[in-house]
C-alpha atoms as a PDB file:
ATOM      1  CA  MET A   1      80.281  87.934 109.034  1.00  0.00           C
ATOM      2  CA  GLY A   2      81.171  89.246 112.491  1.00  0.00           C
ATOM      3  CA  LEU A   3      84.579  88.754 114.009  1.00  0.00           C
ATOM      4  CA  SER A   4      83.297  86.293 116.602  1.00  0.00           C
ATOM      5  CA  ALA A   5      81.804  84.173 113.848  1.00  0.00           C
ATOM      6  CA  VAL A   6      85.050  84.256 111.887  1.00  0.00           C
ATOM      7  CA  ILE A   7      87.077  83.211 114.904  1.00  0.00           C
ATOM      8  CA  GLY A   8      84.510  80.594 115.807  1.00  0.00           C
ATOM      9  CA  SER A   9      84.599  79.056 112.350  1.00  0.00           C
ATOM     10  CA  ALA A  10      88.384  79.134 112.430  1.00  0.00           C
ATOM     11  CA  ALA A  11      88.386  77.292 115.726  1.00  0.00           C
ATOM     12  CA  LEU A  12      86.093  74.638 114.296  1.00  0.00           C
ATOM     13  CA  LEU A  13      88.342  74.195 111.292  1.00  0.00           C
ATOM     14  CA  GLY A  14      91.324  73.799 113.580  1.00  0.00           C
ATOM     15  CA  ALA A  15      89.473  71.197 115.628  1.00  0.00           C
ATOM     16  CA  CYS A  16      89.152  69.015 112.555  1.00  0.00           C
ATOM     17  CA  GLY A  17      92.875  68.290 112.573  1.00  0.00           C
ATOM     18  CA  GLY A  18      92.610  65.475 115.079  1.00  0.00           C
ATOM     19  CA  GLY A  19      93.954  67.455 118.021  1.00  0.00           C
ATOM     20  CA  ASP A  20      97.456  67.914 116.609  1.00  0.00           C
ATOM     21  CA  GLU A  21      99.176  71.053 117.831  1.00  0.00           C
ATOM     22  CA  LYS A  22      99.072  73.879 115.300  1.00  0.00           C
ATOM     23  CA  GLU A  23     102.516  75.444 114.939  1.00  0.00           C
ATOM     24  CA  VAL A  24     103.679  78.155 112.536  1.00  0.00           C
ATOM     25  CA  THR A  25     106.734  80.371 112.214  1.00  0.00           C
ATOM     26  CA  VAL A  26     105.988  84.042 111.564  1.00  0.00           C
ATOM     27  CA  GLY A  27     108.696  86.220 110.019  1.00  0.00           C
ATOM     28  CA  ALA A  28     109.242  89.982 109.906  1.00  0.00           C
ATOM     29  CA  LYS A  29     111.604  92.429 108.243  1.00  0.00           C
ATOM     30  CA  ASN A  30     113.788  94.885 110.108  1.00  0.00           C
ATOM     31  CA  PHE A  31     111.580  97.949 110.520  1.00  0.00           C
ATOM     32  CA  THR A  32     108.801  99.072 112.824  1.00  0.00           C
ATOM     33  CA  GLU A  33     105.823  98.458 110.562  1.00  0.00           C
ATOM     34  CA  GLN A  34     106.895  94.853 110.081  1.00  0.00           C
ATOM     35  CA  PHE A  35     107.417  94.321 113.799  1.00  0.00           C
ATOM     36  CA  ILE A  36     103.876  95.566 114.482  1.00  0.00           C
ATOM     37  CA  LEU A  37     102.221  93.473 111.764  1.00  0.00           C
ATOM     38  CA  ALA A  38     104.087  90.355 112.861  1.00  0.00           C
ATOM     39  CA  LYS A  39     103.184  90.905 116.507  1.00  0.00           C
ATOM     40  CA  MET A  40      99.495  91.358 115.623  1.00  0.00           C
ATOM     41  CA  THR A  41      99.653  88.124 113.642  1.00  0.00           C
ATOM     42  CA  GLU A  42     101.300  86.298 116.521  1.00  0.00           C
ATOM     43  CA  ILE A  43      98.692  87.535 118.995  1.00  0.00           C
ATOM     44  CA  MET A  44      95.693  86.705 116.808  1.00  0.00           C
ATOM     45  CA  LEU A  45      96.976  83.245 115.934  1.00  0.00           C
ATOM     46  CA  GLU A  46      97.802  82.447 119.551  1.00  0.00           C
ATOM     47  CA  GLU A  47      94.275  83.552 120.483  1.00  0.00           C
ATOM     48  CA  ASN A  48      93.123  80.809 118.111  1.00  0.00           C
ATOM     49  CA  ASP A  49      95.229  78.005 119.593  1.00  0.00           C
ATOM     50  CA  PHE A  50      98.313  78.285 117.404  1.00  0.00           C
ATOM     51  CA  THR A  51     101.819  78.021 118.776  1.00  0.00           C
ATOM     52  CA  VAL A  52     103.827  80.757 117.074  1.00  0.00           C
ATOM     53  CA  ASP A  53     107.584  81.010 116.686  1.00  0.00           C
ATOM     54  CA  MET A  54     108.807  84.479 115.695  1.00  0.00           C
ATOM     55  CA  VAL A  55     111.772  85.222 113.444  1.00  0.00           C
ATOM     56  CA  ASP A  56     112.210  88.960 112.940  1.00  0.00           C
ATOM     57  CA  ASN A  57     114.687  91.721 112.123  1.00  0.00           C
ATOM     58  CA  MET A  58     115.432  90.297 108.666  1.00  0.00           C
ATOM     59  CA  GLY A  59     116.189  92.102 105.425  1.00  0.00           C
ATOM     60  CA  SER A  60     113.777  91.665 102.523  1.00  0.00           C
ATOM     61  CA  THR A  61     115.966  89.206 100.627  1.00  0.00           C
ATOM     62  CA  ALA A  62     116.764  87.166 103.732  1.00  0.00           C
ATOM     63  CA  LEU A  63     113.089  86.947 104.668  1.00  0.00           C
ATOM     64  CA  ARG A  64     112.119  85.858 101.182  1.00  0.00           C
ATOM     65  CA  GLN A  65     114.790  83.158 101.203  1.00  0.00           C
ATOM     66  CA  ALA A  66     113.579  81.996 104.618  1.00  0.00           C
ATOM     67  CA  LEU A  67     110.016  81.777 103.284  1.00  0.00           C
ATOM     68  CA  GLU A  68     111.139  79.781 100.266  1.00  0.00           C
ATOM     69  CA  SER A  69     113.196  77.384 102.404  1.00  0.00           C
ATOM     70  CA  GLY A  70     110.469  76.875 105.017  1.00  0.00           C
ATOM     71  CA  GLU A  71     112.395  78.520 107.856  1.00  0.00           C
ATOM     72  CA  VAL A  72     109.577  81.095 107.867  1.00  0.00           C
ATOM     73  CA  GLU A  73     106.030  80.026 106.996  1.00  0.00           C
ATOM     74  CA  VAL A  74     103.907  83.177 107.350  1.00  0.00           C
ATOM     75  CA  THR A  75     104.821  86.835 106.873  1.00  0.00           C
ATOM     76  CA  TRP A  76     103.566  90.200 105.678  1.00  0.00           C
ATOM     77  CA  ASP A  77     105.141  91.543 102.508  1.00  0.00           C
ATOM     78  CA  TYR A  78     104.463  94.162  99.855  1.00  0.00           C
ATOM     79  CA  THR A  79     103.120  93.636  96.350  1.00  0.00           C
ATOM     80  CA  GLY A  80     105.729  95.876  94.742  1.00  0.00           C
ATOM     81  CA  THR A  81     108.567  94.128  96.550  1.00  0.00           C
ATOM     82  CA  GLY A  82     107.220  90.769  95.435  1.00  0.00           C
ATOM     83  CA  LEU A  83     106.961  91.783  91.806  1.00  0.00           C
ATOM     84  CA  ILE A  84     110.008  94.005  91.350  1.00  0.00           C
ATOM     85  CA  THR A  85     112.578  92.820  93.893  1.00  0.00           C
ATOM     86  CA  TYR A  86     111.861  89.099  94.100  1.00  0.00           C
ATOM     87  CA  ASN A  87     110.694  88.369  90.569  1.00  0.00           C
ATOM     88  CA  GLY A  88     112.190  91.099  88.377  1.00  0.00           C
ATOM     89  CA  GLU A  89     108.797  92.111  86.998  1.00  0.00           C
ATOM     90  CA  GLU A  90     107.743  95.555  85.822  1.00  0.00           C
ATOM     91  CA  PRO A  91     106.135  97.847  88.432  1.00  0.00           C
ATOM     92  CA  ILE A  92     102.334  97.894  88.603  1.00  0.00           C
ATOM     93  CA  ALA A  93     100.629 100.936  90.124  1.00  0.00           C
ATOM     94  CA  VAL A  94      97.064  99.614  90.516  1.00  0.00           C
ATOM     95  CA  LYS A  95      96.517  97.748  93.787  1.00  0.00           C
ATOM     96  CA  GLU A  96      94.352  94.863  92.558  1.00  0.00           C
ATOM     97  CA  GLU A  97      96.381  94.351  89.385  1.00  0.00           C
ATOM     98  CA  ALA A  98      99.611  94.130  91.383  1.00  0.00           C
ATOM     99  CA  TYR A  99      97.987  91.737  93.855  1.00  0.00           C
ATOM    100  CA  GLU A 100      96.648  89.438  91.150  1.00  0.00           C
ATOM    101  CA  ALA A 101     100.001  89.452  89.371  1.00  0.00           C
ATOM    102  CA  ILE A 102     102.037  88.465  92.433  1.00  0.00           C
ATOM    103  CA  GLN A 103      99.472  85.819  93.387  1.00  0.00           C
ATOM    104  CA  GLU A 104      99.891  84.204  89.973  1.00  0.00           C
ATOM    105  CA  ILE A 105     103.690  84.491  89.769  1.00  0.00           C
ATOM    106  CA  ASP A 106     104.420  83.339  93.310  1.00  0.00           C
ATOM    107  CA  GLY A 107     101.690  80.713  93.138  1.00  0.00           C
ATOM    108  CA  GLU A 108     103.859  78.881  90.622  1.00  0.00           C
ATOM    109  CA  GLN A 109     106.667  78.910  93.205  1.00  0.00           C
ATOM    110  CA  GLY A 110     104.698  77.367  96.051  1.00  0.00           C
ATOM    111  CA  LEU A 111     103.825  80.635  97.771  1.00  0.00           C
ATOM    112  CA  THR A 112     100.363  82.062  98.445  1.00  0.00           C
ATOM    113  CA  TRP A 113      99.495  85.742  98.861  1.00  0.00           C
ATOM    114  CA  THR A 114      96.290  86.534 100.706  1.00  0.00           C
ATOM    115  CA  ASN A 115      94.536  89.152 102.856  1.00  0.00           C
ATOM    116  CA  ILE A 116      95.685  92.272 101.027  1.00  0.00           C
ATOM    117  CA  SER A 117      95.260  95.451 103.063  1.00  0.00           C
ATOM    118  CA  ASP A 118      94.961  99.148 102.249  1.00  0.00           C
ATOM    119  CA  ILE A 119      98.416  99.801 103.724  1.00  0.00           C
ATOM    120  CA  ASP A 120     100.427 101.196 100.817  1.00  0.00           C
ATOM    121  CA  ASN A 121     104.059 101.723 101.862  1.00  0.00           C
ATOM    122  CA  THR A 122     105.038 103.056  98.476  1.00  0.00           C
ATOM    123  CA  TYR A 123     107.290 105.956  97.589  1.00  0.00           C
ATOM    124  CA  THR A 124     105.776 109.369  98.154  1.00  0.00           C
ATOM    125  CA  LEU A 125     106.530 113.038  97.613  1.00  0.00           C
ATOM    126  CA  MET A 126     105.993 115.059 100.786  1.00  0.00           C
ATOM    127  CA  MET A 127     105.505 118.708 101.670  1.00  0.00           C
ATOM    128  CA  ARG A 128     104.908 120.618 104.873  1.00  0.00           C
ATOM    129  CA  GLN A 129     101.204 121.079 105.520  1.00  0.00           C
ATOM    130  CA  GLN A 130     101.545 124.853 105.715  1.00  0.00           C
ATOM    131  CA  ASP A 131     103.423 125.102 102.413  1.00  0.00           C
ATOM    132  CA  GLY A 132     100.902 122.926 100.630  1.00  0.00           C
ATOM    133  CA  GLU A 133      98.030 125.085 101.830  1.00  0.00           C
ATOM    134  CA  GLU A 134      99.773 128.359 100.986  1.00  0.00           C
ATOM    135  CA  MET A 135     100.838 127.213  97.508  1.00  0.00           C
ATOM    136  CA  GLY A 136      97.616 125.373  96.696  1.00  0.00           C
ATOM    137  CA  ILE A 137      99.453 122.088  96.157  1.00  0.00           C
ATOM    138  CA  SER A 138      97.822 118.782  97.109  1.00  0.00           C
ATOM    139  CA  THR A 139      98.703 116.515  94.162  1.00  0.00           C
ATOM    140  CA  ILE A 140     101.846 115.788  92.161  1.00  0.00           C
ATOM    141  CA  SER A 141     100.118 117.416  89.177  1.00  0.00           C
ATOM    142  CA  ASP A 142      99.770 120.594  91.260  1.00  0.00           C
ATOM    143  CA  LEU A 143     103.467 120.372  92.107  1.00  0.00           C
ATOM    144  CA  ALA A 144     104.392 119.921  88.442  1.00  0.00           C
ATOM    145  CA  GLU A 145     102.420 123.004  87.479  1.00  0.00           C
ATOM    146  CA  HIS A 146     104.046 125.020  90.260  1.00  0.00           C
ATOM    147  CA  VAL A 147     107.577 123.885  89.323  1.00  0.00           C
ATOM    148  CA  ASN A 148     106.981 124.775  85.677  1.00  0.00           C
ATOM    149  CA  GLU A 149     105.698 128.220  86.628  1.00  0.00           C
ATOM    150  CA  ASN A 150     108.256 128.854  89.403  1.00  0.00           C
ATOM    151  CA  PRO A 151     111.335 126.772  88.524  1.00  0.00           C
ATOM    152  CA  GLU A 152     113.652 128.489  91.014  1.00  0.00           C
ATOM    153  CA  GLU A 153     111.267 128.326  93.972  1.00  0.00           C
ATOM    154  CA  MET A 154     110.882 124.585  94.550  1.00  0.00           C
ATOM    155  CA  THR A 155     113.701 122.550  96.114  1.00  0.00           C
ATOM    156  CA  PHE A 156     113.776 118.790  96.549  1.00  0.00           C
ATOM    157  CA  ALA A 157     115.501 116.315  98.906  1.00  0.00           C
ATOM    158  CA  THR A 158     116.116 112.717  97.847  1.00  0.00           C
ATOM    159  CA  ASP A 159     118.382 109.784  98.473  1.00  0.00           C
ATOM    160  CA  ALA A 160     120.658 108.633  95.664  1.00  0.00           C
ATOM    161  CA  GLU A 161     118.580 105.580  94.767  1.00  0.00           C
ATOM    162  CA  PHE A 162     115.266 107.404  94.328  1.00  0.00           C
ATOM    163  CA  GLY A 163     116.998 110.253  92.532  1.00  0.00           C
ATOM    164  CA  ASN A 164     118.235 107.950  89.778  1.00  0.00           C
ATOM    165  CA  ARG A 165     115.670 105.134  89.489  1.00  0.00           C
ATOM    166  CA  ASP A 166     113.214 104.943  86.618  1.00  0.00           C
ATOM    167  CA  ASP A 167     110.475 104.379  89.200  1.00  0.00           C
ATOM    168  CA  GLY A 168     111.857 107.310  91.230  1.00  0.00           C
ATOM    169  CA  LEU A 169     112.389 110.982  90.453  1.00  0.00           C
ATOM    170  CA  PRO A 170     113.222 110.663  86.713  1.00  0.00           C
ATOM    171  CA  GLY A 171     110.038 108.687  86.134  1.00  0.00           C
ATOM    172  CA  VAL A 172     107.932 111.093  88.186  1.00  0.00           C
ATOM    173  CA  GLU A 173     109.250 114.042  86.202  1.00  0.00           C
ATOM    174  CA  GLU A 174     108.627 112.318  82.865  1.00  0.00           C
ATOM    175  CA  THR A 175     105.122 111.170  83.796  1.00  0.00           C
ATOM    176  CA  TYR A 176     104.007 114.507  85.200  1.00  0.00           C
ATOM    177  CA  GLY A 177     105.826 116.746  82.721  1.00  0.00           C
ATOM    178  CA  PHE A 178     108.181 118.782  84.893  1.00  0.00           C
ATOM    179  CA  GLU A 179     111.815 118.785  85.962  1.00  0.00           C
ATOM    180  CA  PHE A 180     113.656 120.099  88.983  1.00  0.00           C
ATOM    181  CA  GLY A 181     116.817 121.966  88.023  1.00  0.00           C
ATOM    182  CA  SER A 182     120.004 120.215  89.103  1.00  0.00           C
ATOM    183  CA  SER A 183     120.722 123.025  91.554  1.00  0.00           C
ATOM    184  CA  GLN A 184     117.274 122.527  93.104  1.00  0.00           C
ATOM    185  CA  VAL A 185     117.883 118.873  94.057  1.00  0.00           C
ATOM    186  CA  SER A 186     119.785 117.926  97.225  1.00  0.00           C
ATOM    187  CA  GLU A 187     120.955 114.309  97.378  1.00  0.00           C
ATOM    188  CA  MET A 188     121.490 112.826 100.846  1.00  0.00           C
ATOM    189  CA  SER A 189     121.344 109.627 102.869  1.00  0.00           C
ATOM    190  CA  TYR A 190     117.832 108.298 103.433  1.00  0.00           C
ATOM    191  CA  GLY A 191     116.459 109.664 106.690  1.00  0.00           C
ATOM    192  CA  LEU A 192     118.122 113.041 106.286  1.00  0.00           C
ATOM    193  CA  ASN A 193     115.459 113.881 103.702  1.00  0.00           C
ATOM    194  CA  TYR A 194     112.901 114.053 106.528  1.00  0.00           C
ATOM    195  CA  GLU A 195     115.176 116.322 108.555  1.00  0.00           C
ATOM    196  CA  ALA A 196     115.811 118.556 105.541  1.00  0.00           C
ATOM    197  CA  ILE A 197     112.140 119.219 104.896  1.00  0.00           C
ATOM    198  CA  ASN A 198     111.345 119.562 108.595  1.00  0.00           C
ATOM    199  CA  ASN A 199     114.137 122.150 108.946  1.00  0.00           C
ATOM    200  CA  GLU A 200     112.851 124.040 105.872  1.00  0.00           C
ATOM    201  CA  GLU A 201     116.042 123.376 103.919  1.00  0.00           C
ATOM    202  CA  VAL A 202     113.841 122.140 101.046  1.00  0.00           C
ATOM    203  CA  ASN A 203     110.120 122.385 100.378  1.00  0.00           C
ATOM    204  CA  VAL A 204     109.568 118.938  98.800  1.00  0.00           C
ATOM    205  CA  ALA A 205     111.108 115.572  99.696  1.00  0.00           C
ATOM    206  CA  MET A 206     110.775 111.911  98.816  1.00  0.00           C
ATOM    207  CA  GLY A 207     109.823 109.396 101.475  1.00  0.00           C
ATOM    208  CA  HIS A 208     107.753 106.313 102.224  1.00  0.00           C
ATOM    209  CA  ALA A 209     104.031 106.733 102.686  1.00  0.00           C
ATOM    210  CA  THR A 210     103.650 105.142 106.143  1.00  0.00           C
ATOM    211  CA  ASP A 211     106.734 106.691 107.793  1.00  0.00           C
ATOM    212  CA  SER A 212     105.884 108.030 111.259  1.00  0.00           C
ATOM    213  CA  ARG A 213     107.928 111.195 110.673  1.00  0.00           C
ATOM    214  CA  ILE A 214     105.277 112.403 108.236  1.00  0.00           C
ATOM    215  CA  GLU A 215     102.919 112.842 111.173  1.00  0.00           C
ATOM    216  CA  GLU A 216     105.623 113.974 113.594  1.00  0.00           C
ATOM    217  CA  TYR A 217     106.800 116.796 111.318  1.00  0.00           C
ATOM    218  CA  ASP A 218     103.322 117.841 110.128  1.00  0.00           C
ATOM    219  CA  LEU A 219     103.991 116.769 106.556  1.00  0.00           C
ATOM    220  CA  PHE A 220     101.574 115.299 104.037  1.00  0.00           C
ATOM    221  CA  ASN A 221     101.814 112.954 101.066  1.00  0.00           C
ATOM    222  CA  LEU A 222     101.060 114.524  97.717  1.00  0.00           C
ATOM    223  CA  GLU A 223      98.358 112.571  95.923  1.00  0.00           C
ATOM    224  CA  ASP A 224      99.821 110.495  93.101  1.00  0.00           C
ATOM    225  CA  ASP A 225      96.907 111.441  90.858  1.00  0.00           C
ATOM    226  CA  GLN A 226      98.350 109.771  87.748  1.00  0.00           C
ATOM    227  CA  GLN A 227      99.147 106.565  89.682  1.00  0.00           C
ATOM    228  CA  PHE A 228     102.839 106.561  88.840  1.00  0.00           C
ATOM    229  CA  PHE A 229     104.318 104.916  91.919  1.00  0.00           C
ATOM    230  CA  PRO A 230     104.133 101.116  92.106  1.00  0.00           C
ATOM    231  CA  SER A 231     101.686  99.517  94.509  1.00  0.00           C
ATOM    232  CA  TYR A 232     103.426  98.437  97.692  1.00  0.00           C
ATOM    233  CA  HIS A 233     100.320  97.188  99.467  1.00  0.00           C
ATOM    234  CA  ALA A 234     100.887  94.980 102.484  1.00  0.00           C
ATOM    235  CA  ALA A 235      99.445  91.476 102.271  1.00  0.00           C
ATOM    236  CA  MET A 236     100.110  88.137 103.886  1.00  0.00           C
ATOM    237  CA  SER A 237     102.533  85.820 102.127  1.00  0.00           C
ATOM    238  CA  MET A 238     102.908  82.211 103.178  1.00  0.00           C
ATOM    239  CA  SER A 239     103.907  78.822 101.873  1.00  0.00           C
ATOM    240  CA  THR A 240     101.092  77.215  99.912  1.00  0.00           C
ATOM    241  CA  GLU A 241     101.626  74.061 101.953  1.00  0.00           C
ATOM    242  CA  VAL A 242     100.914  75.928 105.194  1.00  0.00           C
ATOM    243  CA  HIS A 243      97.965  77.737 103.601  1.00  0.00           C
ATOM    244  CA  GLU A 244      96.438  74.402 102.626  1.00  0.00           C
ATOM    245  CA  GLU A 245      97.184  72.807 105.992  1.00  0.00           C
ATOM    246  CA  TYR A 246      95.819  75.735 107.999  1.00  0.00           C
ATOM    247  CA  PRO A 247      93.238  77.573 105.854  1.00  0.00           C
ATOM    248  CA  GLU A 248      91.923  79.128 109.060  1.00  0.00           C
ATOM    249  CA  ILE A 249      94.917  81.477 109.149  1.00  0.00           C
ATOM    250  CA  GLU A 250      93.447  83.418 106.233  1.00  0.00           C
ATOM    251  CA  GLU A 251      90.047  83.544 107.961  1.00  0.00           C
ATOM    252  CA  ILE A 252      91.489  84.622 111.308  1.00  0.00           C
ATOM    253  CA  MET A 253      93.523  87.456 109.793  1.00  0.00           C
ATOM    254  CA  ALA A 254      90.972  88.667 107.220  1.00  0.00           C
ATOM    255  CA  PRO A 255      89.123  91.147 109.496  1.00  0.00           C
ATOM    256  CA  LEU A 256      92.399  92.823 110.479  1.00  0.00           C
ATOM    257  CA  ALA A 257      93.603  93.081 106.885  1.00  0.00           C
ATOM    258  CA  GLU A 258      90.283  94.647 105.901  1.00  0.00           C
ATOM    259  CA  GLU A 259      90.632  97.275 108.647  1.00  0.00           C
ATOM    260  CA  LEU A 260      94.247  98.376 108.216  1.00  0.00           C
ATOM    261  CA  ASP A 261      95.132 101.253 105.903  1.00  0.00           C
ATOM    262  CA  THR A 262      98.035 103.631 105.308  1.00  0.00           C
ATOM    263  CA  GLU A 263      96.872 106.271 107.790  1.00  0.00           C
ATOM    264  CA  THR A 264      96.246 103.710 110.545  1.00  0.00           C
ATOM    265  CA  MET A 265      99.649 102.121 109.994  1.00  0.00           C
ATOM    266  CA  MET A 266     101.362 105.497 110.095  1.00  0.00           C
ATOM    267  CA  GLY A 267      99.712 106.152 113.459  1.00  0.00           C
ATOM    268  CA  LEU A 268     100.838 102.806 114.861  1.00  0.00           C
ATOM    269  CA  ASN A 269     104.382 103.411 113.618  1.00  0.00           C
ATOM    270  CA  TYR A 270     104.254 106.836 115.271  1.00  0.00           C
ATOM    271  CA  GLN A 271     103.429 105.319 118.653  1.00  0.00           C
ATOM    272  CA  VAL A 272     106.529 103.123 118.480  1.00  0.00           C
ATOM    273  CA  ASP A 273     109.032 105.367 116.691  1.00  0.00           C
ATOM    274  CA  ILE A 274     108.129 108.770 118.129  1.00  0.00           C
ATOM    275  CA  GLU A 275     106.313 108.082 121.399  1.00  0.00           C
ATOM    276  CA  ASP A 276     108.666 105.186 122.236  1.00  0.00           C
ATOM    277  CA  GLU A 277     105.856 102.761 123.026  1.00  0.00           C
ATOM    278  CA  ASN A 278     106.528  99.023 123.135  1.00  0.00           C
ATOM    279  CA  VAL A 279     105.633  97.094 119.957  1.00  0.00           C
ATOM    280  CA  ASP A 280     103.811  94.408 121.943  1.00  0.00           C
ATOM    281  CA  ASP A 281     101.721  96.999 123.784  1.00  0.00           C
ATOM    282  CA  VAL A 282     100.858  98.959 120.642  1.00  0.00           C
ATOM    283  CA  ALA A 283      99.810  95.824 118.760  1.00  0.00           C
ATOM    284  CA  ARG A 284      97.745  94.357 121.583  1.00  0.00           C
ATOM    285  CA  THR A 285      96.039  97.650 122.445  1.00  0.00           C
ATOM    286  CA  TYR A 286      95.005  98.194 118.830  1.00  0.00           C
ATOM    287  CA  LEU A 287      93.597  94.679 118.566  1.00  0.00           C
ATOM    288  CA  GLU A 288      91.680  95.034 121.831  1.00  0.00           C
ATOM    289  CA  GLU A 289      90.300  98.511 121.114  1.00  0.00           C
ATOM    290  CA  ASN A 290      89.071  97.448 117.681  1.00  0.00           C
ATOM    291  CA  GLY A 291      87.469  94.198 118.819  1.00  0.00           C
ATOM    292  CA  PHE A 292      89.859  91.730 117.203  1.00  0.00           C
ATOM    293  CA  ILE A 293      90.698  90.119 120.548  1.00  0.00           C
ATOM    294  CA  GLU A 294      89.148  90.332 123.995  1.00  0.00           C
END
């Protein structure tokens, strides 16, 4: 179905409500990717006759509490966050399995997850493009082999949390069968890991897969070829009550969710974080250039 048909059907569904004004509150966390996704949602819903109130700059826990209380009705969240942080479940690496699990668990709590995208803001191990090419490393398995063969050559930057979590460095090392020596690991505040690898103080670092600094510093994400890291795919999360009252929201947003992926999101983050573009402008331009709005 084309976008115009989707929007048209959504408009018809909205018209069935007897002319009552359609109002929703959209929430966002406190980082660039969330600001962009929320702004796109606001724009697309307003294009379809919704009145949108925005509540942004919230931490994950605060946003979840706001969603549960009804202060926020629609947001974008991440499957891994939903499972691990909100519900204390075990990590799931496979996208569809994680999505189905959080749909079932949160469905029992009056929350609906829908419109999963290919944005995966999971943990990642990063290298400089040039180093990866010279060393023949493109996957974490390649890295493991290289560390085992050259234990003194590879150095690693991490924050304290990733360095000690079972779903962080210890788990990666166990799954892939290698171990950095203690003298090869530099622990630092998150953010400095990007500076350390950019300044060639280390040759591998942890990060998040959609961070704009990956593009800015000519880094790349090593392929997690054994699917160790949990799925943190972005999807829409909303109260089931709102989903039932306004089923057109899912239809309106579906084409965008189907289009977005990790690389696209990294590029949008880059425009805001590195090129200092305005979130509103970046969101609207993307929607216009890709035919989601006129």
